Each structure stands twice: as C-alpha cells, then as structure tokens.
C-alpha cells in the first residue's frame, strides 16, 4: 500500500485542472508566530522547477497577448515594457502589476546570475539585473495564483463577462496574490495596492439563469429566497435577460438583491447578439426539459 500515496499524488498532478479541491492558504491570527514542526525536509529549489515552468509560461503568454494588442510595446522589454503598459482602467493597472511580478520571477530564473531558494516554506527568487536588485519572496500558492490570474484574464477575452466583472475578479485575484508575497523589490520597489468597489468571491461562483426580478422606482429588485440571500455562502452570478439584453450580475454588486437601474449597463454581457451565451455555457446550465404527462421515476 506504500505505492498508493504516490499514485494519488500523480493522479492529482495529471488531472488537477478537473478536480475541485479546497484551496489551502496560511493565515496568522496574531502577531506572535508559532511554527509547527515538519518531519520531512524543506523542498529544494530543484523540486520547484516544474512550478517555475508554469510561471515562465504564464509570463510568456501574457507578454505575447499584450504585445499583440499594444503596438507601443514593440522593441521594449522588461522594465520599459512595464512602464509602457496602459493604465486607463483598474483592469489595466492590475494586469500591469501581475506582469511586473512575473517579470522579476522570469528574470531571476532565466538569468545566469539568478538564484532560486527555498527557506521556511517560502520561495525566494533574486538577481542583479542592469545594476538593480530584483527579488521576490512568496509562497508556492502565490505562484499558482499568478498563473491562475493570467489564465483567467486571457480566457476572459473570449468570454461574455462584462468589463466590470473582469475588473472585480482580477482585483480579487491580486489582493490574494499580494497576501502571498512577503518581500518584493524592483526598479520601483513597492507594489501598488488597489481599493475595491466590489469584493468578489473568486473561489466559488454559482450560476443562476432563472431569477425573478422587477424594476421599481429606478431599482432592479432581484427576488432571492432564503437561504440564497447569504452572499458569502451563495456567491451567485445572476444571468438576467431584460429588454433584449443579457446581464451577468454578481450578487455582491446587488446587496439585498437591489441594484440601481442606472448601474445595469456596467453588467451587460459581451455577446454577439446581445442575448445568447456561447455554446460551451450549455454544460454549465444543463437541465432536463419538463415533458407534460411524463410520469415521475
């Protein structure tokens, strides 16, 4: 039976994208730290190479996408490329900061003078690049969150989510990424922080396409029955068709089930005909049609 743990670990690694496992994060409730003991030794930098491959790939994909959209990035690399990124929206700003963190990791990993260390469960990547000390110390989960944020952002380009939804989701990712970064240094030294108009639960979203609603006194009122009024336990995404348009409204944007009608346009879905979702969404809303007269089994 000693082989079973290795088989489970291999299964989890191979099919991880299809699994829905709890996300494990450390939290410190008090300033006084108490370290638990470990039987096995700390993982080595060598054991993190598969993780770093994912990080390098995420940076390459993000860089390639940005260069395809922004002609002003042509001929620029590293810090100059970061400075040339647009800052017109919160989404732009978050993407720029994610690019900035990944750039430090990439430079430290691929440079002959770069170093990768593991100490006290944290990953430290550092290098002196063009007379500037670049370094980042973060958790293994921090690497995963960086890759996940890039994957979600690049995928969102072809999804119907409204810009406000994409912004809120990326801000949620970035807030968690920053929590996993213990130290950071580059040409500007300090990572930017962002206020959030909306705190979105990025870990779990519940699709709902049969809401009851009405417009009353300039307010869109969503009729949500208990226990679904608890937005923490039930982070709903409301798919609402109204006046020939589809809206995707996260329940966090409608506290108490109420959203100002003037705010509705922010949540209008990006669809070809204004109403219909892409075909792959059918698997997310699967249900058996009701046939009149069919006996219950």
C-alpha atoms as a PDB file:
ATOM      1  CA  UNK A   1       0.000   0.000   0.000  1.00  0.00           C
ATOM      2  CA  UNK A   2       3.050   2.302   0.133  1.00  0.00           C
ATOM      3  CA  UNK A   3       2.595   2.894  -3.582  1.00  0.00           C
ATOM      4  CA  UNK A   4      -0.893   4.356  -3.140  1.00  0.00           C
ATOM      5  CA  UNK A   5       0.191   7.826  -1.888  1.00  0.00           C
ATOM      6  CA  UNK A   6       2.477   8.201  -4.924  1.00  0.00           C
ATOM      7  CA  UNK A   7      -0.364   7.148  -7.242  1.00  0.00           C
ATOM      8  CA  UNK A   8      -2.756   9.670  -5.654  1.00  0.00           C
ATOM      9  CA  UNK A   9      -0.145  12.426  -5.945  1.00  0.00           C
ATOM     10  CA  UNK A  10       0.426  11.607  -9.612  1.00  0.00           C
ATOM     11  CA  UNK A  11      -3.326  11.482 -10.283  1.00  0.00           C
ATOM     12  CA  UNK A  12      -3.817  14.897  -8.643  1.00  0.00           C
ATOM     13  CA  UNK A  13      -0.992  16.401 -10.685  1.00  0.00           C
ATOM     14  CA  UNK A  14      -2.158  14.949 -14.002  1.00  0.00           C
ATOM     15  CA  UNK A  15      -5.842  15.757 -13.611  1.00  0.00           C
ATOM     16  CA  UNK A  16      -5.615  18.777 -11.316  1.00  0.00           C
ATOM     17  CA  UNK A  17      -7.478  21.063 -13.708  1.00  0.00           C
ATOM     18  CA  UNK A  18     -10.546  18.798 -13.468  1.00  0.00           C
ATOM     19  CA  UNK A  19     -10.519  18.471  -9.697  1.00  0.00           C
ATOM     20  CA  UNK A  20     -12.329  20.787  -7.301  1.00  0.00           C
ATOM     21  CA  UNK A  21     -10.164  20.629  -4.231  1.00  0.00           C
ATOM     22  CA  UNK A  22     -10.114  23.164  -1.358  1.00  0.00           C
ATOM     23  CA  UNK A  23      -7.644  25.996  -1.769  1.00  0.00           C
ATOM     24  CA  UNK A  24      -5.281  25.918   1.207  1.00  0.00           C
ATOM     25  CA  UNK A  25      -3.861  29.201   2.448  1.00  0.00           C
ATOM     26  CA  UNK A  26      -1.986  30.182   5.590  1.00  0.00           C
ATOM     27  CA  UNK A  27      -3.420  32.828   7.880  1.00  0.00           C
ATOM     28  CA  UNK A  28      -1.914  34.314  11.037  1.00  0.00           C
ATOM     29  CA  UNK A  29      -4.446  35.417  13.635  1.00  0.00           C
ATOM     30  CA  UNK A  30      -1.881  37.001  15.953  1.00  0.00           C
ATOM     31  CA  UNK A  31       1.436  38.813  15.654  1.00  0.00           C
ATOM     32  CA  UNK A  32       3.134  36.176  17.776  1.00  0.00           C
ATOM     33  CA  UNK A  33       4.100  33.349  15.484  1.00  0.00           C
ATOM     34  CA  UNK A  34       4.150  29.710  16.416  1.00  0.00           C
ATOM     35  CA  UNK A  35       5.744  27.385  13.904  1.00  0.00           C
ATOM     36  CA  UNK A  36       4.557  23.815  13.672  1.00  0.00           C
ATOM     37  CA  UNK A  37       7.153  21.124  13.120  1.00  0.00           C
ATOM     38  CA  UNK A  38       7.677  19.059   9.985  1.00  0.00           C
ATOM     39  CA  UNK A  39       9.017  15.540   9.589  1.00  0.00           C
ATOM     40  CA  UNK A  40      10.311  15.919   6.051  1.00  0.00           C
ATOM     41  CA  UNK A  41      12.975  18.373   4.950  1.00  0.00           C
ATOM     42  CA  UNK A  42      12.138  21.597   3.121  1.00  0.00           C
ATOM     43  CA  UNK A  43      11.638  21.157  -0.624  1.00  0.00           C
ATOM     44  CA  UNK A  44      14.677  22.105  -2.673  1.00  0.00           C
ATOM     45  CA  UNK A  45      14.862  24.712  -5.395  1.00  0.00           C
ATOM     46  CA  UNK A  46      15.324  21.833  -7.851  1.00  0.00           C
ATOM     47  CA  UNK A  47      11.941  20.390  -6.868  1.00  0.00           C
ATOM     48  CA  UNK A  48      10.275  23.705  -7.809  1.00  0.00           C
ATOM     49  CA  UNK A  49      11.407  23.653 -11.424  1.00  0.00           C
ATOM     50  CA  UNK A  50       8.050  22.265 -12.693  1.00  0.00           C
ATOM     51  CA  UNK A  51       6.292  25.102 -10.833  1.00  0.00           C
ATOM     52  CA  UNK A  52       8.608  27.685 -12.352  1.00  0.00           C
ATOM     53  CA  UNK A  53       7.941  26.297 -15.830  1.00  0.00           C
ATOM     54  CA  UNK A  54       4.278  27.176 -15.338  1.00  0.00           C
ATOM     55  CA  UNK A  55       5.247  30.646 -14.133  1.00  0.00           C
ATOM     56  CA  UNK A  56       7.515  31.259 -17.134  1.00  0.00           C
ATOM     57  CA  UNK A  57       4.778  30.059 -19.483  1.00  0.00           C
ATOM     58  CA  UNK A  58       2.245  32.397 -17.853  1.00  0.00           C
ATOM     59  CA  UNK A  59       4.590  35.354 -18.326  1.00  0.00           C
ATOM     60  CA  UNK A  60       5.262  34.407 -21.955  1.00  0.00           C
ATOM     61  CA  UNK A  61       1.542  34.102 -22.728  1.00  0.00           C
ATOM     62  CA  UNK A  62       0.714  37.396 -21.027  1.00  0.00           C
ATOM     63  CA  UNK A  63       3.588  39.196 -22.732  1.00  0.00           C
ATOM     64  CA  UNK A  64       2.624  37.809 -26.134  1.00  0.00           C
ATOM     65  CA  UNK A  65      -1.016  38.808 -25.702  1.00  0.00           C
ATOM     66  CA  UNK A  66      -0.153  42.334 -24.596  1.00  0.00           C
ATOM     67  CA  UNK A  67       2.296  42.802 -27.462  1.00  0.00           C
ATOM     68  CA  UNK A  68      -0.377  41.674 -29.936  1.00  0.00           C
ATOM     69  CA  UNK A  69      -2.738  44.370 -28.659  1.00  0.00           C
ATOM     70  CA  UNK A  70      -0.315  47.193 -27.937  1.00  0.00           C
ATOM     71  CA  UNK A  71       1.940  48.342 -30.798  1.00  0.00           C
ATOM     72  CA  UNK A  72       3.751  50.669 -28.372  1.00  0.00           C
ATOM     73  CA  UNK A  73       5.367  47.621 -26.737  1.00  0.00           C
ATOM     74  CA  UNK A  74       7.321  46.805 -29.891  1.00  0.00           C
ATOM     75  CA  UNK A  75      11.045  46.846 -29.171  1.00  0.00           C
ATOM     76  CA  UNK A  76      10.532  47.176 -25.418  1.00  0.00           C
ATOM     77  CA  UNK A  77      11.327  44.577 -22.781  1.00  0.00           C
ATOM     78  CA  UNK A  78      11.500  44.263 -19.023  1.00  0.00           C
ATOM     79  CA  UNK A  79      11.007  47.464 -17.068  1.00  0.00           C
ATOM     80  CA  UNK A  80      10.484  49.562 -20.208  1.00  0.00           C
ATOM     81  CA  UNK A  81       7.671  47.251 -21.313  1.00  0.00           C
ATOM     82  CA  UNK A  82       6.032  47.511 -17.889  1.00  0.00           C
ATOM     83  CA  UNK A  83       6.200  51.313 -17.998  1.00  0.00           C
ATOM     84  CA  UNK A  84       4.601  51.340 -21.465  1.00  0.00           C
ATOM     85  CA  UNK A  85       1.563  49.318 -20.385  1.00  0.00           C
ATOM     86  CA  UNK A  86      -1.738  51.269 -20.316  1.00  0.00           C
ATOM     87  CA  UNK A  87      -3.269  52.394 -17.021  1.00  0.00           C
ATOM     88  CA  UNK A  88      -6.691  53.537 -18.247  1.00  0.00           C
ATOM     89  CA  UNK A  89      -8.756  51.160 -16.102  1.00  0.00           C
ATOM     90  CA  UNK A  90      -8.332  49.143 -12.925  1.00  0.00           C
ATOM     91  CA  UNK A  91      -8.061  46.042 -15.101  1.00  0.00           C
ATOM     92  CA  UNK A  92      -5.134  47.614 -16.969  1.00  0.00           C
ATOM     93  CA  UNK A  93      -3.445  48.520 -13.690  1.00  0.00           C
ATOM     94  CA  UNK A  94      -3.821  45.053 -12.161  1.00  0.00           C
ATOM     95  CA  UNK A  95      -2.576  43.350 -15.336  1.00  0.00           C
ATOM     96  CA  UNK A  96       0.452  45.662 -15.307  1.00  0.00           C
ATOM     97  CA  UNK A  97       1.286  44.696 -11.714  1.00  0.00           C
ATOM     98  CA  UNK A  98       0.919  40.990 -12.462  1.00  0.00           C
ATOM     99  CA  UNK A  99       3.232  41.469 -15.445  1.00  0.00           C
ATOM    100  CA  UNK A 100       5.672  43.272 -13.161  1.00  0.00           C
ATOM    101  CA  UNK A 101       5.814  40.431 -10.604  1.00  0.00           C
ATOM    102  CA  UNK A 102       6.144  37.750 -13.265  1.00  0.00           C
ATOM    103  CA  UNK A 103       8.906  39.709 -14.945  1.00  0.00           C
ATOM    104  CA  UNK A 104      11.001  39.632 -11.759  1.00  0.00           C
ATOM    105  CA  UNK A 105      10.457  35.872 -11.406  1.00  0.00           C
ATOM    106  CA  UNK A 106      11.335  35.226 -15.038  1.00  0.00           C
ATOM    107  CA  UNK A 107      14.464  37.363 -14.933  1.00  0.00           C
ATOM    108  CA  UNK A 108      15.706  35.633 -11.785  1.00  0.00           C
ATOM    109  CA  UNK A 109      15.047  32.156 -13.198  1.00  0.00           C
ATOM    110  CA  UNK A 110      16.498  32.541 -16.711  1.00  0.00           C
ATOM    111  CA  UNK A 111      19.454  34.792 -15.892  1.00  0.00           C
ATOM    112  CA  UNK A 112      22.822  33.014 -15.382  1.00  0.00           C
ATOM    113  CA  UNK A 113      23.277  35.219 -12.296  1.00  0.00           C
ATOM    114  CA  UNK A 114      19.830  34.461 -10.937  1.00  0.00           C
ATOM    115  CA  UNK A 115      19.122  32.460  -7.801  1.00  0.00           C
ATOM    116  CA  UNK A 116      16.168  30.390  -6.605  1.00  0.00           C
ATOM    117  CA  UNK A 117      15.978  29.382  -2.945  1.00  0.00           C
ATOM    118  CA  UNK A 118      13.503  27.735  -0.613  1.00  0.00           C
ATOM    119  CA  UNK A 119      13.549  28.661   3.057  1.00  0.00           C
ATOM    120  CA  UNK A 120      10.897  28.285   5.781  1.00  0.00           C
ATOM    121  CA  UNK A 121       8.350  27.201   3.187  1.00  0.00           C
ATOM    122  CA  UNK A 122       8.839  30.332   1.060  1.00  0.00           C
ATOM    123  CA  UNK A 123      10.310  30.689  -2.424  1.00  0.00           C
ATOM    124  CA  UNK A 124      12.869  33.428  -2.957  1.00  0.00           C
ATOM    125  CA  UNK A 125      13.963  34.434  -6.459  1.00  0.00           C
ATOM    126  CA  UNK A 126      16.571  37.150  -6.858  1.00  0.00           C
ATOM    127  CA  UNK A 127      19.080  38.545  -9.346  1.00  0.00           C
ATOM    128  CA  UNK A 128      21.033  41.739 -10.022  1.00  0.00           C
ATOM    129  CA  UNK A 129      19.841  42.985 -13.401  1.00  0.00           C
ATOM    130  CA  UNK A 130      21.273  46.115 -15.001  1.00  0.00           C
ATOM    131  CA  UNK A 131      22.615  47.310 -11.645  1.00  0.00           C
ATOM    132  CA  UNK A 132      19.223  46.849  -9.965  1.00  0.00           C
ATOM    133  CA  UNK A 133      18.444  44.208  -7.352  1.00  0.00           C
ATOM    134  CA  UNK A 134      15.327  42.294  -8.394  1.00  0.00           C
ATOM    135  CA  UNK A 135      13.809  39.937  -5.848  1.00  0.00           C
ATOM    136  CA  UNK A 136      10.532  38.410  -4.768  1.00  0.00           C
ATOM    137  CA  UNK A 137       9.754  36.149  -1.828  1.00  0.00           C
ATOM    138  CA  UNK A 138       6.403  34.393  -1.961  1.00  0.00           C
ATOM    139  CA  UNK A 139       4.602  31.163  -1.159  1.00  0.00           C
ATOM    140  CA  UNK A 140       4.075  28.301  -3.553  1.00  0.00           C
ATOM    141  CA  UNK A 141       0.406  29.225  -3.648  1.00  0.00           C
ATOM    142  CA  UNK A 142       1.468  32.710  -4.737  1.00  0.00           C
ATOM    143  CA  UNK A 143       2.996  31.195  -7.868  1.00  0.00           C
ATOM    144  CA  UNK A 144      -0.216  29.286  -8.538  1.00  0.00           C
ATOM    145  CA  UNK A 145      -2.343  32.407  -8.063  1.00  0.00           C
ATOM    146  CA  UNK A 146      -0.191  34.388 -10.504  1.00  0.00           C
ATOM    147  CA  UNK A 147      -0.590  31.677 -13.131  1.00  0.00           C
ATOM    148  CA  UNK A 148      -4.321  31.380 -12.412  1.00  0.00           C
ATOM    149  CA  UNK A 149      -4.886  35.133 -12.719  1.00  0.00           C
ATOM    150  CA  UNK A 150      -3.143  35.169 -16.113  1.00  0.00           C
ATOM    151  CA  UNK A 151      -5.117  32.142 -17.330  1.00  0.00           C
ATOM    152  CA  UNK A 152      -8.425  33.628 -16.159  1.00  0.00           C
ATOM    153  CA  UNK A 153      -7.685  37.031 -17.699  1.00  0.00           C
ATOM    154  CA  UNK A 154      -6.621  35.646 -21.083  1.00  0.00           C
ATOM    155  CA  UNK A 155      -9.628  33.317 -21.150  1.00  0.00           C
ATOM    156  CA  UNK A 156     -11.985  36.168 -20.201  1.00  0.00           C
ATOM    157  CA  UNK A 157     -11.163  37.879 -23.503  1.00  0.00           C
ATOM    158  CA  UNK A 158     -13.370  35.310 -25.248  1.00  0.00           C
ATOM    159  CA  UNK A 159     -15.994  35.068 -22.516  1.00  0.00           C
ATOM    160  CA  UNK A 160     -19.225  37.090 -22.194  1.00  0.00           C
ATOM    161  CA  UNK A 161     -18.363  38.546 -18.782  1.00  0.00           C
ATOM    162  CA  UNK A 162     -18.799  42.337 -18.689  1.00  0.00           C
ATOM    163  CA  UNK A 163     -15.756  44.529 -18.127  1.00  0.00           C
ATOM    164  CA  UNK A 164     -16.890  45.334 -14.576  1.00  0.00           C
ATOM    165  CA  UNK A 165     -16.955  41.608 -13.757  1.00  0.00           C
ATOM    166  CA  UNK A 166     -13.461  41.046 -15.189  1.00  0.00           C
ATOM    167  CA  UNK A 167     -12.171  44.006 -13.191  1.00  0.00           C
ATOM    168  CA  UNK A 168     -13.688  42.741  -9.932  1.00  0.00           C
ATOM    169  CA  UNK A 169     -12.357  39.219 -10.448  1.00  0.00           C
ATOM    170  CA  UNK A 170      -8.816  40.382 -11.226  1.00  0.00           C
ATOM    171  CA  UNK A 171      -8.825  42.698  -8.207  1.00  0.00           C
ATOM    172  CA  UNK A 172      -9.819  39.717  -6.049  1.00  0.00           C
ATOM    173  CA  UNK A 173      -7.002  37.641  -7.504  1.00  0.00           C
ATOM    174  CA  UNK A 174      -4.496  40.430  -6.977  1.00  0.00           C
ATOM    175  CA  UNK A 175      -5.499  41.011  -3.352  1.00  0.00           C
ATOM    176  CA  UNK A 176      -4.791  37.331  -2.631  1.00  0.00           C
ATOM    177  CA  UNK A 177      -1.545  37.410  -4.626  1.00  0.00           C
ATOM    178  CA  UNK A 178      -0.251  40.323  -2.567  1.00  0.00           C
ATOM    179  CA  UNK A 179      -1.066  38.413   0.630  1.00  0.00           C
ATOM    180  CA  UNK A 180       1.205  35.600  -0.556  1.00  0.00           C
ATOM    181  CA  UNK A 181       4.139  37.932  -1.366  1.00  0.00           C
ATOM    182  CA  UNK A 182       6.313  38.570   1.664  1.00  0.00           C
ATOM    183  CA  UNK A 183       9.024  40.704   0.043  1.00  0.00           C
ATOM    184  CA  UNK A 184       9.389  42.409  -3.308  1.00  0.00           C
ATOM    185  CA  UNK A 185      11.944  44.657  -4.939  1.00  0.00           C
ATOM    186  CA  UNK A 186      12.470  46.030  -8.426  1.00  0.00           C
ATOM    187  CA  UNK A 187      13.167  49.428 -10.011  1.00  0.00           C
ATOM    188  CA  UNK A 188      10.180  50.973  -8.219  1.00  0.00           C
ATOM    189  CA  UNK A 189      10.478  48.789  -5.105  1.00  0.00           C
ATOM    190  CA  UNK A 190       6.863  48.818  -3.850  1.00  0.00           C
ATOM    191  CA  UNK A 191       3.907  47.018  -5.418  1.00  0.00           C
ATOM    192  CA  UNK A 192       0.824  49.129  -5.978  1.00  0.00           C
ATOM    193  CA  UNK A 193      -2.293  48.486  -3.917  1.00  0.00           C
ATOM    194  CA  UNK A 194      -5.846  48.923  -5.149  1.00  0.00           C
ATOM    195  CA  UNK A 195      -9.087  49.781  -3.441  1.00  0.00           C
ATOM    196  CA  UNK A 196     -12.019  47.594  -4.412  1.00  0.00           C
ATOM    197  CA  UNK A 197     -15.515  48.846  -5.034  1.00  0.00           C
ATOM    198  CA  UNK A 198     -16.627  45.243  -5.061  1.00  0.00           C
ATOM    199  CA  UNK A 199     -15.199  42.246  -3.218  1.00  0.00           C
ATOM    200  CA  UNK A 200     -15.899  39.240  -5.406  1.00  0.00           C
ATOM    201  CA  UNK A 201     -15.630  35.650  -4.191  1.00  0.00           C
ATOM    202  CA  UNK A 202     -13.204  34.271  -6.778  1.00  0.00           C
ATOM    203  CA  UNK A 203     -13.101  30.783  -5.237  1.00  0.00           C
ATOM    204  CA  UNK A 204     -16.704  29.847  -5.950  1.00  0.00           C
ATOM    205  CA  UNK A 205     -19.372  31.188  -8.293  1.00  0.00           C
ATOM    206  CA  UNK A 206     -22.926  29.840  -8.612  1.00  0.00           C
ATOM    207  CA  UNK A 207     -24.631  30.383 -11.983  1.00  0.00           C
ATOM    208  CA  UNK A 208     -28.331  31.263 -11.840  1.00  0.00           C
ATOM    209  CA  UNK A 209     -30.285  31.902 -15.036  1.00  0.00           C
ATOM    210  CA  UNK A 210     -33.860  31.818 -13.717  1.00  0.00           C
ATOM    211  CA  UNK A 211     -34.097  34.829 -11.405  1.00  0.00           C
ATOM    212  CA  UNK A 212     -37.280  36.694 -10.626  1.00  0.00           C
ATOM    213  CA  UNK A 213     -36.859  40.437 -10.892  1.00  0.00           C
ATOM    214  CA  UNK A 214     -38.706  43.684 -11.337  1.00  0.00           C
ATOM    215  CA  UNK A 215     -37.802  47.319 -11.960  1.00  0.00           C
ATOM    216  CA  UNK A 216     -39.305  49.604  -9.352  1.00  0.00           C
ATOM    217  CA  UNK A 217     -38.530  53.277  -8.692  1.00  0.00           C
ATOM    218  CA  UNK A 218     -35.285  53.119 -10.647  1.00  0.00           C
ATOM    219  CA  UNK A 219     -34.089  49.976  -8.867  1.00  0.00           C
ATOM    220  CA  UNK A 220     -33.708  46.459 -10.227  1.00  0.00           C
ATOM    221  CA  UNK A 221     -35.025  44.196  -7.477  1.00  0.00           C
ATOM    222  CA  UNK A 222     -33.947  40.570  -7.563  1.00  0.00           C
ATOM    223  CA  UNK A 223     -36.295  38.308  -5.652  1.00  0.00           C
ATOM    224  CA  UNK A 224     -33.966  35.884  -3.880  1.00  0.00           C
ATOM    225  CA  UNK A 225     -35.388  33.416  -1.404  1.00  0.00           C
ATOM    226  CA  UNK A 226     -33.634  32.170   1.706  1.00  0.00           C
ATOM    227  CA  UNK A 227     -31.065  30.755   2.205  1.00  0.00           C
ATOM    228  CA  UNK A 228     -29.663  32.185  -1.048  1.00  0.00           C
ATOM    229  CA  UNK A 229     -29.713  35.718   0.371  1.00  0.00           C
ATOM    230  CA  UNK A 230     -26.425  34.897   2.131  1.00  0.00           C
ATOM    231  CA  UNK A 231     -23.911  36.158  -0.453  1.00  0.00           C
ATOM    232  CA  UNK A 232     -20.982  34.614   1.402  1.00  0.00           C
ATOM    233  CA  UNK A 233     -22.435  31.105   1.350  1.00  0.00           C
ATOM    234  CA  UNK A 234     -24.099  31.561  -2.051  1.00  0.00           C
ATOM    235  CA  UNK A 235     -21.973  33.835  -4.306  1.00  0.00           C
ATOM    236  CA  UNK A 236     -24.460  33.956  -7.156  1.00  0.00           C
ATOM    237  CA  UNK A 237     -23.887  35.151 -10.700  1.00  0.00           C
ATOM    238  CA  UNK A 238     -27.310  36.243 -11.911  1.00  0.00           C
ATOM    239  CA  UNK A 239     -27.872  35.791 -15.662  1.00  0.00           C
ATOM    240  CA  UNK A 240     -30.738  38.155 -16.366  1.00  0.00           C
ATOM    241  CA  UNK A 241     -32.379  38.810 -19.731  1.00  0.00           C
ATOM    242  CA  UNK A 242     -34.163  42.142 -19.769  1.00  0.00           C
ATOM    243  CA  UNK A 243     -35.395  44.265 -22.682  1.00  0.00           C
ATOM    244  CA  UNK A 244     -33.479  42.252 -25.264  1.00  0.00           C
ATOM    245  CA  UNK A 245     -30.169  42.292 -23.420  1.00  0.00           C
ATOM    246  CA  UNK A 246     -28.333  39.814 -21.214  1.00  0.00           C
ATOM    247  CA  UNK A 247     -26.784  40.904 -17.937  1.00  0.00           C
ATOM    248  CA  UNK A 248     -24.362  38.976 -15.728  1.00  0.00           C
ATOM    249  CA  UNK A 249     -24.694  40.441 -12.247  1.00  0.00           C
ATOM    250  CA  UNK A 250     -22.617  39.127  -9.321  1.00  0.00           C
ATOM    251  CA  UNK A 251     -24.752  39.158  -6.207  1.00  0.00           C
ATOM    252  CA  UNK A 252     -22.035  41.154  -4.430  1.00  0.00           C
ATOM    253  CA  UNK A 253     -22.971  44.061  -6.738  1.00  0.00           C
ATOM    254  CA  UNK A 254     -26.607  43.865  -5.630  1.00  0.00           C
ATOM    255  CA  UNK A 255     -26.630  43.752  -1.816  1.00  0.00           C
ATOM    256  CA  UNK A 256     -30.020  42.736  -0.547  1.00  0.00           C
ATOM    257  CA  UNK A 257     -30.944  41.866  -4.135  1.00  0.00           C
ATOM    258  CA  UNK A 258     -31.119  45.527  -5.158  1.00  0.00           C
ATOM    259  CA  UNK A 259     -29.179  47.232  -7.960  1.00  0.00           C
ATOM    260  CA  UNK A 260     -29.735  50.754  -9.246  1.00  0.00           C
ATOM    261  CA  UNK A 261     -31.124  50.623 -12.782  1.00  0.00           C
ATOM    262  CA  UNK A 262     -28.559  53.260 -13.750  1.00  0.00           C
ATOM    263  CA  UNK A 263     -25.827  50.724 -12.899  1.00  0.00           C
ATOM    264  CA  UNK A 264     -27.241  47.972 -15.115  1.00  0.00           C
ATOM    265  CA  UNK A 265     -25.151  48.836 -18.180  1.00  0.00           C
ATOM    266  CA  UNK A 266     -21.968  48.030 -16.263  1.00  0.00           C
ATOM    267  CA  UNK A 267     -23.104  44.409 -16.105  1.00  0.00           C
ATOM    268  CA  UNK A 268     -24.248  43.961 -19.697  1.00  0.00           C
ATOM    269  CA  UNK A 269     -22.801  40.741 -21.118  1.00  0.00           C
ATOM    270  CA  UNK A 270     -20.483  40.797 -24.112  1.00  0.00           C
ATOM    271  CA  UNK A 271     -22.366  38.565 -26.537  1.00  0.00           C
ATOM    272  CA  UNK A 272     -22.645  38.516 -30.302  1.00  0.00           C
ATOM    273  CA  UNK A 273     -26.392  39.061 -30.471  1.00  0.00           C
ATOM    274  CA  UNK A 274     -26.780  40.689 -27.072  1.00  0.00           C
ATOM    275  CA  UNK A 275     -28.663  37.749 -25.565  1.00  0.00           C
ATOM    276  CA  UNK A 276     -27.293  34.268 -26.319  1.00  0.00           C
ATOM    277  CA  UNK A 277     -24.334  32.753 -24.477  1.00  0.00           C
ATOM    278  CA  UNK A 278     -21.513  30.843 -26.235  1.00  0.00           C
ATOM    279  CA  UNK A 279     -22.193  27.110 -26.826  1.00  0.00           C
ATOM    280  CA  UNK A 280     -19.823  25.902 -24.102  1.00  0.00           C
ATOM    281  CA  UNK A 281     -22.010  27.531 -21.457  1.00  0.00           C
ATOM    282  CA  UNK A 282     -24.694  24.896 -22.148  1.00  0.00           C
ATOM    283  CA  UNK A 283     -22.816  22.420 -19.949  1.00  0.00           C
ATOM    284  CA  UNK A 284     -22.987  24.903 -17.075  1.00  0.00           C
ATOM    285  CA  UNK A 285     -26.757  25.265 -17.263  1.00  0.00           C
ATOM    286  CA  UNK A 286     -27.719  21.686 -18.045  1.00  0.00           C
ATOM    287  CA  UNK A 287     -31.195  20.614 -17.057  1.00  0.00           C
ATOM    288  CA  UNK A 288     -33.701  18.073 -18.228  1.00  0.00           C
ATOM    289  CA  UNK A 289     -36.658  19.654 -20.042  1.00  0.00           C
ATOM    290  CA  UNK A 290     -40.051  19.099 -18.452  1.00  0.00           C
ATOM    291  CA  UNK A 291     -42.350  16.965 -20.591  1.00  0.00           C
ATOM    292  CA  UNK A 292     -46.053  17.307 -19.804  1.00  0.00           C
ATOM    293  CA  UNK A 293     -47.617  13.972 -18.918  1.00  0.00           C
ATOM    294  CA  UNK A 294     -44.322  12.165 -18.415  1.00  0.00           C
ATOM    295  CA  UNK A 295     -44.504  10.075 -15.236  1.00  0.00           C
ATOM    296  CA  UNK A 296     -42.026  10.764 -12.435  1.00  0.00           C
ATOM    297  CA  UNK A 297     -39.482   7.967 -11.974  1.00  0.00           C
END
